[in-house]
Amino acid sequence: MTKIKANGNVGVSLPKKERKMLILKQVNIHTRLMFNDLVNLIDVSEDTIRRDVNELAEEGQVIRIKGGVMSGAYHIGHDSETYAQSNKLVIAEKAIELLRDDMIVLIGGGTTIREFIKRIPNKLRATFITVNVLTAVELLDKPMIKTIMIGGQISAYSQMTVSGEVFEYLADIKADLCILGTNAIDYGNGLTDSDWETIQVKKAMIKAAEKVAILAISEKLNSTMQMKIADIDEIHYLLTELPPDSAELQAYRSKNLTIL
């Protein structure tokens, strides 16, 4: 069973240069991938994938993490251009429309969420609760935002806190809105990822909010990873850079969610 289907790309044997380009593109789209995701996508051995990833890391194009690889743009202090930045800016502007004064907002992390935080009006008065270290740092620039960082062990995969304290805290709150990015989204398979700890935290965040908004560039649509976070009908807003009436979103319009 293919663990990641990336917008119709079929895993085939490729020359090294093309293989590395495909790895880089998919890592940039999905932010993080495990080695076995890339093995299934490209249909070569894990040893080959590891060699390619090591070369890309040495070239400064990606960052190695335990068991996989991360987009350089996601990592603090890494000099990499954000992938599909113009599309992420469109999504960020749409997400601002969901905010109201005095809201309690649960928020995840990622490059799209980073762009969203930059555009939060300085006059907005709200409480933001996060499990992501980089998100907490970004929020400190907003003078009227009260930022609460849920502490605990930090995952090298997602840079989220994933220890037991997180679940205890989330079980005791009910936020107005949960804003999350996702590595993969499909109208049939829902939100999915490859890391067990990350999945459990995101499940708890979704359960702890009245409404859930997912921010995703369209290249993540119709892609599936190996473990489920939530079904589509568990989310309330889907924000992409596409117009809401786009043909690419037709299947998602059949679900009970608002497309922005």
Foldseek 3Di string as FASTA:
>chain_A
DQFKQFPPQAAEADPLVVLLVVVLVLQLQLFWDFLVNSCSRNVDDSVSVVVSQVVCVVVLQWADDVRTIGGQVQDPPRPDDRPPVVFLLLLLVVVLVVDDAAFEEEEEDDDSVLSNLVPNDLPHAYEYEYQAPVNQVSNVVRNRYHYHHQDADADRRRNGHQDPSLLVVLVPAEGAEYEYEASAAELAQGGEDDDPSVLVSLLSSLVRYPAYEYEHELSRYPIHGDGDNDHLLSHAEYETSDDQPDPSCVSVVVHRHHYD
